Amino acid sequence: MSKTIQCIIVDDEVIAREILENHLSKMEKISVVASCKNAIEAYGVLENNHIDLVFLDINMPEISGLQFAKSIPHYTKIIFTTAYREYAVEGFDLQAVDYLLKPISFDRFYQAIHKYFNETRLKKVAPSSLVEEKQNFMFVRADRKMIKVNFNEIQYIESSGDYIKIVREKGNVVTRETISNIEAKLPPSTFLRTHRSYIISLAHVVSFTNEHIDLKNKAIPISRSFKSSVLNKLESL
């Protein structure tokens, strides 16, 4: 039996939300968990649910869609929606599945859904273990140069705004990057996302509870949205 995709809509315009709700009602394998009028509402939904896909308006008050997109769980995919064509390049820089220009027709919406299913199928076909064997390091930009970071040196990674800090015994590296983009470069067999702001190295875990993971010199929180996958991974080691 195929999985039902859990999605949310985030848009400050009522009519825009209603159009997407109507389109999604025609899709048998997609369930709308919530329709949110701003990013703050959406954060609450993400904290308490495993969301596979977000239909996200870019131009919203207080917290824009682009800001919101940088802080959501790595497994949650994004389809941007907006009335402004100039945002398209920025949206694709955040590795969005697609970019829908309002008003959104059902045909264009269906193309985006088809693209989402194709991308998720391709990821299942290409196992991450094949990637892991090719290299054990990554390069990040810091201090106006590209710095080589060996995976076995990393203790944990912490996100703060538009920057992330890679914590190592021999010295930290701070780079302007999203935590999701960094996570995509790490081997999933040895690193684990525990929170929208934290990734840990499994080799440095000393102990754990349902709420946090103890490393040598740091307690890393486990957020509700990651708790199930984190505990399953840790308990299987």
C-alpha atoms as a PDB file:
ATOM      1  CA  MET A   1       0.000   0.000   0.000  1.00  0.00           C
ATOM      2  CA  SER A   2       1.526   3.355  -1.037  1.00  0.00           C
ATOM      3  CA  LYS A   3       2.122   6.078   1.503  1.00  0.00           C
ATOM      4  CA  THR A   4      -0.190   9.089   1.774  1.00  0.00           C
ATOM      5  CA  ILE A   5       1.773  12.317   1.405  1.00  0.00           C
ATOM      6  CA  GLN A   6       1.229  14.721   4.297  1.00  0.00           C
ATOM      7  CA  CYS A   7       1.265  18.352   3.168  1.00  0.00           C
ATOM      8  CA  ILE A   8       0.552  21.847   4.432  1.00  0.00           C
ATOM      9  CA  ILE A   9      -0.305  25.104   2.692  1.00  0.00           C
ATOM     10  CA  VAL A  10       1.310  28.332   3.917  1.00  0.00           C
ATOM     11  CA  ASP A  11      -0.057  31.542   2.387  1.00  0.00           C
ATOM     12  CA  ASP A  12      -1.359  34.802   3.837  1.00  0.00           C
ATOM     13  CA  GLU A  13      -4.018  35.097   1.113  1.00  0.00           C
ATOM     14  CA  VAL A  14      -7.304  33.293   1.769  1.00  0.00           C
ATOM     15  CA  ILE A  15      -8.159  32.878  -1.919  1.00  0.00           C
ATOM     16  CA  ALA A  16      -4.730  31.422  -2.700  1.00  0.00           C
ATOM     17  CA  ARG A  17      -5.146  28.854   0.090  1.00  0.00           C
ATOM     18  CA  GLU A  18      -8.622  27.930  -1.131  1.00  0.00           C
ATOM     19  CA  ILE A  19      -7.399  27.385  -4.710  1.00  0.00           C
ATOM     20  CA  LEU A  20      -4.682  25.005  -3.521  1.00  0.00           C
ATOM     21  CA  GLU A  21      -7.089  23.225  -1.173  1.00  0.00           C
ATOM     22  CA  ASN A  22      -9.417  22.655  -4.127  1.00  0.00           C
ATOM     23  CA  HIS A  23      -6.599  21.334  -6.334  1.00  0.00           C
ATOM     24  CA  LEU A  24      -5.328  19.043  -3.565  1.00  0.00           C
ATOM     25  CA  SER A  25      -8.798  17.660  -2.896  1.00  0.00           C
ATOM     26  CA  LYS A  26      -8.574  15.992  -6.314  1.00  0.00           C
ATOM     27  CA  MET A  27      -5.385  14.121  -5.392  1.00  0.00           C
ATOM     28  CA  GLU A  28      -6.052  10.760  -3.736  1.00  0.00           C
ATOM     29  CA  LYS A  29      -2.583  10.210  -2.259  1.00  0.00           C
ATOM     30  CA  ILE A  30      -2.099  13.649  -0.710  1.00  0.00           C
ATOM     31  CA  SER A  31      -3.587  14.737   2.611  1.00  0.00           C
ATOM     32  CA  VAL A  32      -3.745  18.400   3.682  1.00  0.00           C
ATOM     33  CA  VAL A  33      -2.759  18.436   7.353  1.00  0.00           C
ATOM     34  CA  ALA A  34      -3.189  22.198   7.766  1.00  0.00           C
ATOM     35  CA  SER A  35      -3.748  25.410   5.841  1.00  0.00           C
ATOM     36  CA  CYS A  36      -1.745  28.182   7.538  1.00  0.00           C
ATOM     37  CA  LYS A  37      -1.942  31.937   7.058  1.00  0.00           C
ATOM     38  CA  ASN A  38       1.648  32.600   8.156  1.00  0.00           C
ATOM     39  CA  ALA A  39       4.962  30.946   8.945  1.00  0.00           C
ATOM     40  CA  ILE A  40       4.410  31.057  12.706  1.00  0.00           C
ATOM     41  CA  GLU A  41       1.306  28.860  12.389  1.00  0.00           C
ATOM     42  CA  ALA A  42       3.229  26.527  10.086  1.00  0.00           C
ATOM     43  CA  TYR A  43       6.099  26.150  12.579  1.00  0.00           C
ATOM     44  CA  GLY A  44       3.597  24.792  15.094  1.00  0.00           C
ATOM     45  CA  VAL A  45       2.310  22.223  12.603  1.00  0.00           C
ATOM     46  CA  LEU A  46       5.841  21.091  11.696  1.00  0.00           C
ATOM     47  CA  GLU A  47       6.756  20.651  15.353  1.00  0.00           C
ATOM     48  CA  ASN A  48       3.926  18.177  15.862  1.00  0.00           C
ATOM     49  CA  ASN A  49       3.641  16.393  12.521  1.00  0.00           C
ATOM     50  CA  HIS A  50       5.831  14.686   9.939  1.00  0.00           C
ATOM     51  CA  ILE A  51       5.183  16.858   6.879  1.00  0.00           C
ATOM     52  CA  ASP A  52       6.374  15.629   3.494  1.00  0.00           C
ATOM     53  CA  LEU A  53       5.514  18.631   1.341  1.00  0.00           C
ATOM     54  CA  VAL A  54       4.852  22.358   1.822  1.00  0.00           C
ATOM     55  CA  PHE A  55       3.107  24.669  -0.634  1.00  0.00           C
ATOM     56  CA  LEU A  56       4.798  27.881   0.427  1.00  0.00           C
ATOM     57  CA  ASP A  57       4.046  31.462  -0.535  1.00  0.00           C
ATOM     58  CA  ILE A  58       7.221  33.552  -0.756  1.00  0.00           C
ATOM     59  CA  ASN A  59       5.949  37.072  -0.116  1.00  0.00           C
ATOM     60  CA  MET A  60       4.434  36.953   3.403  1.00  0.00           C
ATOM     61  CA  PRO A  61       4.602  39.519   6.244  1.00  0.00           C
ATOM     62  CA  GLU A  62       6.979  39.133   9.226  1.00  0.00           C
ATOM     63  CA  ILE A  63       8.607  35.845   8.142  1.00  0.00           C
ATOM     64  CA  SER A  64       8.929  35.411   4.381  1.00  0.00           C
ATOM     65  CA  GLY A  65       8.613  32.068   2.651  1.00  0.00           C
ATOM     66  CA  LEU A  66      12.324  32.162   1.797  1.00  0.00           C
ATOM     67  CA  GLN A  67      13.253  32.640   5.467  1.00  0.00           C
ATOM     68  CA  PHE A  68      10.852  29.897   6.538  1.00  0.00           C
ATOM     69  CA  ALA A  69      12.212  27.482   3.926  1.00  0.00           C
ATOM     70  CA  LYS A  70      15.710  27.650   5.450  1.00  0.00           C
ATOM     71  CA  SER A  71      14.529  26.283   8.803  1.00  0.00           C
ATOM     72  CA  ILE A  72      12.220  23.372   7.963  1.00  0.00           C
ATOM     73  CA  PRO A  73      13.215  19.678   8.366  1.00  0.00           C
ATOM     74  CA  HIS A  74      15.447  18.252   5.641  1.00  0.00           C
ATOM     75  CA  TYR A  75      12.895  15.648   4.555  1.00  0.00           C
ATOM     76  CA  THR A  76      10.164  18.240   3.946  1.00  0.00           C
ATOM     77  CA  LYS A  77      10.062  19.296   0.284  1.00  0.00           C
ATOM     78  CA  ILE A  78       8.883  22.690  -0.931  1.00  0.00           C
ATOM     79  CA  ILE A  79       6.796  23.918  -3.835  1.00  0.00           C
ATOM     80  CA  PHE A  80       6.930  27.718  -3.845  1.00  0.00           C
ATOM     81  CA  THR A  81       3.890  29.771  -4.823  1.00  0.00           C
ATOM     82  CA  THR A  82       3.936  33.503  -5.511  1.00  0.00           C
ATOM     83  CA  ALA A  83       2.602  36.260  -7.709  1.00  0.00           C
ATOM     84  CA  TYR A  84       6.125  37.602  -8.303  1.00  0.00           C
ATOM     85  CA  ARG A  85       8.171  35.984 -11.051  1.00  0.00           C
ATOM     86  CA  GLU A  86      11.440  37.606  -9.871  1.00  0.00           C
ATOM     87  CA  TYR A  87      11.565  35.292  -6.849  1.00  0.00           C
ATOM     88  CA  ALA A  88      11.925  32.173  -8.998  1.00  0.00           C
ATOM     89  CA  VAL A  89      15.745  32.056  -9.062  1.00  0.00           C
ATOM     90  CA  GLU A  90      15.999  32.500  -5.286  1.00  0.00           C
ATOM     91  CA  GLY A  91      13.385  29.784  -4.809  1.00  0.00           C
ATOM     92  CA  PHE A  92      15.304  27.281  -6.905  1.00  0.00           C
ATOM     93  CA  ASP A  93      18.530  28.164  -5.071  1.00  0.00           C
ATOM     94  CA  LEU A  94      16.832  26.672  -2.008  1.00  0.00           C
ATOM     95  CA  GLN A  95      16.368  23.404  -3.917  1.00  0.00           C
ATOM     96  CA  ALA A  96      12.616  23.713  -4.218  1.00  0.00           C
ATOM     97  CA  VAL A  97      10.767  21.020  -6.156  1.00  0.00           C
ATOM     98  CA  ASP A  98       8.998  23.629  -8.263  1.00  0.00           C
ATOM     99  CA  TYR A  99       7.870  27.247  -8.461  1.00  0.00           C
ATOM    100  CA  LEU A 100       4.240  28.070  -9.206  1.00  0.00           C
ATOM    101  CA  LEU A 101       3.204  31.493 -10.420  1.00  0.00           C
ATOM    102  CA  LYS A 102      -0.225  32.707  -9.254  1.00  0.00           C
ATOM    103  CA  PRO A 103      -2.988  32.315 -10.263  1.00  0.00           C
ATOM    104  CA  ILE A 104      -2.220  28.591 -10.225  1.00  0.00           C
ATOM    105  CA  SER A 105      -4.059  26.490 -12.788  1.00  0.00           C
ATOM    106  CA  PHE A 106      -4.785  22.836 -12.056  1.00  0.00           C
ATOM    107  CA  ASP A 107      -2.645  21.741 -15.035  1.00  0.00           C
ATOM    108  CA  ARG A 108       0.399  23.615 -13.727  1.00  0.00           C
ATOM    109  CA  PHE A 109      -0.263  22.389 -10.195  1.00  0.00           C
ATOM    110  CA  TYR A 110      -0.447  18.798 -11.450  1.00  0.00           C
ATOM    111  CA  GLN A 111       2.917  19.173 -13.217  1.00  0.00           C
ATOM    112  CA  ALA A 112       4.496  20.228  -9.916  1.00  0.00           C
ATOM    113  CA  ILE A 113       2.966  17.251  -8.086  1.00  0.00           C
ATOM    114  CA  HIS A 114       4.215  14.903 -10.805  1.00  0.00           C
ATOM    115  CA  LYS A 115       7.699  16.410 -10.440  1.00  0.00           C
ATOM    116  CA  TYR A 116       7.579  15.874  -6.646  1.00  0.00           C
ATOM    117  CA  PHE A 117       6.705  12.189  -7.026  1.00  0.00           C
ATOM    118  CA  ASN A 118       9.424  11.706  -9.649  1.00  0.00           C
ATOM    119  CA  GLU A 119      12.063  13.273  -7.374  1.00  0.00           C
ATOM    120  CA  THR A 120      11.111  11.164  -4.360  1.00  0.00           C
ATOM    121  CA  ARG A 121      11.166   7.998  -6.469  1.00  0.00           C
ATOM    122  CA  LEU A 122      14.657   8.806  -7.833  1.00  0.00           C
ATOM    123  CA  LYS A 123      16.028   9.303  -4.305  1.00  0.00           C
ATOM    124  CA  LYS A 124      14.801   5.852  -3.316  1.00  0.00           C
ATOM    125  CA  VAL A 125      16.520   4.322  -6.344  1.00  0.00           C
ATOM    126  CA  ALA A 126      19.899   5.950  -5.565  1.00  0.00           C
ATOM    127  CA  PRO A 127      20.968   4.717  -2.135  1.00  0.00           C
ATOM    128  CA  SER A 128      22.965   7.156  -0.011  1.00  0.00           C
ATOM    129  CA  SER A 129      25.504   4.439   0.784  1.00  0.00           C
ATOM    130  CA  LEU A 130      26.817   4.703  -2.787  1.00  0.00           C
ATOM    131  CA  VAL A 131      27.593   8.363  -2.190  1.00  0.00           C
ATOM    132  CA  GLU A 132      29.273   7.747   1.151  1.00  0.00           C
ATOM    133  CA  GLU A 133      31.971   5.523  -0.325  1.00  0.00           C
ATOM    134  CA  LYS A 134      33.216   8.167  -2.728  1.00  0.00           C
ATOM    135  CA  GLN A 135      34.516  10.750  -0.255  1.00  0.00           C
ATOM    136  CA  ASN A 136      34.898  11.359   3.475  1.00  0.00           C
ATOM    137  CA  PHE A 137      35.154  15.148   3.462  1.00  0.00           C
ATOM    138  CA  MET A 138      33.494  18.305   2.172  1.00  0.00           C
ATOM    139  CA  PHE A 139      34.581  21.856   1.376  1.00  0.00           C
ATOM    140  CA  VAL A 140      32.873  24.891   2.924  1.00  0.00           C
ATOM    141  CA  ARG A 141      33.479  28.592   2.364  1.00  0.00           C
ATOM    142  CA  ALA A 142      34.879  30.499   5.356  1.00  0.00           C
ATOM    143  CA  ASP A 143      37.272  33.443   5.741  1.00  0.00           C
ATOM    144  CA  ARG A 144      37.170  34.069   1.983  1.00  0.00           C
ATOM    145  CA  LYS A 145      38.450  30.613   1.089  1.00  0.00           C
ATOM    146  CA  MET A 146      37.263  27.039   0.706  1.00  0.00           C
ATOM    147  CA  ILE A 147      38.141  24.933   3.760  1.00  0.00           C
ATOM    148  CA  LYS A 148      38.327  21.148   3.730  1.00  0.00           C
ATOM    149  CA  VAL A 149      36.364  19.559   6.582  1.00  0.00           C
ATOM    150  CA  ASN A 150      36.861  15.839   7.210  1.00  0.00           C
ATOM    151  CA  PHE A 151      33.647  14.123   8.311  1.00  0.00           C
ATOM    152  CA  ASN A 152      35.393  12.216  11.117  1.00  0.00           C
ATOM    153  CA  GLU A 153      36.483  15.526  12.714  1.00  0.00           C
ATOM    154  CA  ILE A 154      32.948  16.894  13.089  1.00  0.00           C
ATOM    155  CA  GLN A 155      31.311  16.638  16.520  1.00  0.00           C
ATOM    156  CA  TYR A 156      28.120  18.527  15.701  1.00  0.00           C
ATOM    157  CA  ILE A 157      26.758  21.291  13.489  1.00  0.00           C
ATOM    158  CA  GLU A 158      24.671  24.190  14.785  1.00  0.00           C
ATOM    159  CA  SER A 159      22.585  26.608  12.747  1.00  0.00           C
ATOM    160  CA  SER A 160      22.094  30.253  13.733  1.00  0.00           C
ATOM    161  CA  GLY A 161      20.236  32.491  11.315  1.00  0.00           C
ATOM    162  CA  ASP A 162      21.961  32.458   7.926  1.00  0.00           C
ATOM    163  CA  TYR A 163      25.113  30.842   9.328  1.00  0.00           C
ATOM    164  CA  ILE A 164      26.146  27.421  10.578  1.00  0.00           C
ATOM    165  CA  LYS A 165      28.936  26.456  12.960  1.00  0.00           C
ATOM    166  CA  ILE A 166      30.790  23.197  12.374  1.00  0.00           C
ATOM    167  CA  VAL A 167      32.230  22.156  15.741  1.00  0.00           C
ATOM    168  CA  ARG A 168      35.537  20.249  15.704  1.00  0.00           C
ATOM    169  CA  GLU A 169      38.168  19.573  18.378  1.00  0.00           C
ATOM    170  CA  LYS A 170      40.835  21.339  16.335  1.00  0.00           C
ATOM    171  CA  GLY A 171      38.707  24.442  15.801  1.00  0.00           C
ATOM    172  CA  ASN A 172      35.259  25.495  14.646  1.00  0.00           C
ATOM    173  CA  VAL A 173      34.346  26.566  11.130  1.00  0.00           C
ATOM    174  CA  VAL A 174      31.617  29.185  10.569  1.00  0.00           C
ATOM    175  CA  THR A 175      30.076  29.459   7.114  1.00  0.00           C
ATOM    176  CA  ARG A 176      27.120  31.203   5.508  1.00  0.00           C
ATOM    177  CA  GLU A 177      24.967  28.236   4.503  1.00  0.00           C
ATOM    178  CA  THR A 178      21.666  26.534   5.302  1.00  0.00           C
ATOM    179  CA  ILE A 179      21.771  23.509   7.559  1.00  0.00           C
ATOM    180  CA  SER A 180      19.719  21.519   5.036  1.00  0.00           C
ATOM    181  CA  ASN A 181      22.298  22.085   2.298  1.00  0.00           C
ATOM    182  CA  ILE A 182      25.105  20.981   4.617  1.00  0.00           C
ATOM    183  CA  GLU A 183      23.093  17.951   5.708  1.00  0.00           C
ATOM    184  CA  ALA A 184      22.792  16.847   2.086  1.00  0.00           C
ATOM    185  CA  LYS A 185      26.613  16.631   1.897  1.00  0.00           C
ATOM    186  CA  LEU A 186      26.956  14.404   4.980  1.00  0.00           C
ATOM    187  CA  PRO A 187      26.804  10.584   5.002  1.00  0.00           C
ATOM    188  CA  PRO A 188      23.488   9.667   6.710  1.00  0.00           C
ATOM    189  CA  SER A 189      24.981   6.537   8.263  1.00  0.00           C
ATOM    190  CA  THR A 190      27.220   8.643  10.520  1.00  0.00           C
ATOM    191  CA  PHE A 191      25.308  11.919  10.973  1.00  0.00           C
ATOM    192  CA  LEU A 192      21.852  12.572  12.376  1.00  0.00           C
ATOM    193  CA  ARG A 193      19.584  15.656  12.277  1.00  0.00           C
ATOM    194  CA  THR A 194      18.034  16.042  15.741  1.00  0.00           C
ATOM    195  CA  HIS A 195      16.517  19.502  15.482  1.00  0.00           C
ATOM    196  CA  ARG A 196      15.993  22.167  12.837  1.00  0.00           C
ATOM    197  CA  SER A 197      19.172  23.779  14.206  1.00  0.00           C
ATOM    198  CA  TYR A 198      21.371  20.749  14.972  1.00  0.00           C
ATOM    199  CA  ILE A 199      23.104  17.805  13.295  1.00  0.00           C
ATOM    200  CA  ILE A 200      25.254  15.435  15.365  1.00  0.00           C
ATOM    201  CA  SER A 201      28.004  12.945  14.609  1.00  0.00           C
ATOM    202  CA  LEU A 202      26.902   9.531  15.868  1.00  0.00           C
ATOM    203  CA  ALA A 203      30.532   8.696  16.695  1.00  0.00           C
ATOM    204  CA  HIS A 204      30.519  11.374  19.424  1.00  0.00           C
ATOM    205  CA  VAL A 205      27.309  10.321  21.224  1.00  0.00           C
ATOM    206  CA  VAL A 206      27.961   9.551  24.891  1.00  0.00           C
ATOM    207  CA  SER A 207      24.357   9.017  26.053  1.00  0.00           C
ATOM    208  CA  PHE A 208      20.813  10.078  25.193  1.00  0.00           C
ATOM    209  CA  THR A 209      17.301  10.522  26.585  1.00  0.00           C
ATOM    210  CA  ASN A 210      13.990  11.284  24.878  1.00  0.00           C
ATOM    211  CA  GLU A 211      14.762  15.009  25.088  1.00  0.00           C
ATOM    212  CA  HIS A 212      18.471  15.399  24.398  1.00  0.00           C
ATOM    213  CA  ILE A 213      21.698  13.746  23.285  1.00  0.00           C
ATOM    214  CA  ASP A 214      24.888  14.093  25.314  1.00  0.00           C
ATOM    215  CA  LEU A 215      28.106  14.577  23.409  1.00  0.00           C
ATOM    216  CA  LYS A 216      31.475  15.010  25.126  1.00  0.00           C
ATOM    217  CA  ASN A 217      31.042  18.701  25.952  1.00  0.00           C
ATOM    218  CA  LYS A 218      27.509  19.514  24.773  1.00  0.00           C
ATOM    219  CA  ALA A 219      23.867  18.477  25.280  1.00  0.00           C
ATOM    220  CA  ILE A 220      22.016  18.590  21.943  1.00  0.00           C
ATOM    221  CA  PRO A 221      18.202  18.955  21.995  1.00  0.00           C
ATOM    222  CA  ILE A 222      15.833  16.577  20.181  1.00  0.00           C
ATOM    223  CA  SER A 223      12.823  18.433  18.781  1.00  0.00           C
ATOM    224  CA  ARG A 224       9.380  16.879  18.618  1.00  0.00           C
ATOM    225  CA  SER A 225       9.354  16.791  14.818  1.00  0.00           C
ATOM    226  CA  PHE A 226      12.570  14.727  14.750  1.00  0.00           C
ATOM    227  CA  LYS A 227      12.047  12.645  17.908  1.00  0.00           C
ATOM    228  CA  SER A 228      10.666   9.483  16.312  1.00  0.00           C
ATOM    229  CA  SER A 229      13.344   9.178  13.597  1.00  0.00           C
ATOM    230  CA  VAL A 230      16.148  10.144  15.995  1.00  0.00           C
ATOM    231  CA  LEU A 231      15.222   7.641  18.705  1.00  0.00           C
ATOM    232  CA  ASN A 232      14.674   4.880  16.133  1.00  0.00           C
ATOM    233  CA  LYS A 233      18.145   5.511  14.735  1.00  0.00           C
ATOM    234  CA  LEU A 234      19.867   5.684  18.119  1.00  0.00           C
ATOM    235  CA  GLU A 235      18.110   2.620  19.494  1.00  0.00           C
ATOM    236  CA  SER A 236      19.114   0.591  16.413  1.00  0.00           C
ATOM    237  CA  LEU A 237      22.843   1.264  16.887  1.00  0.00           C
END
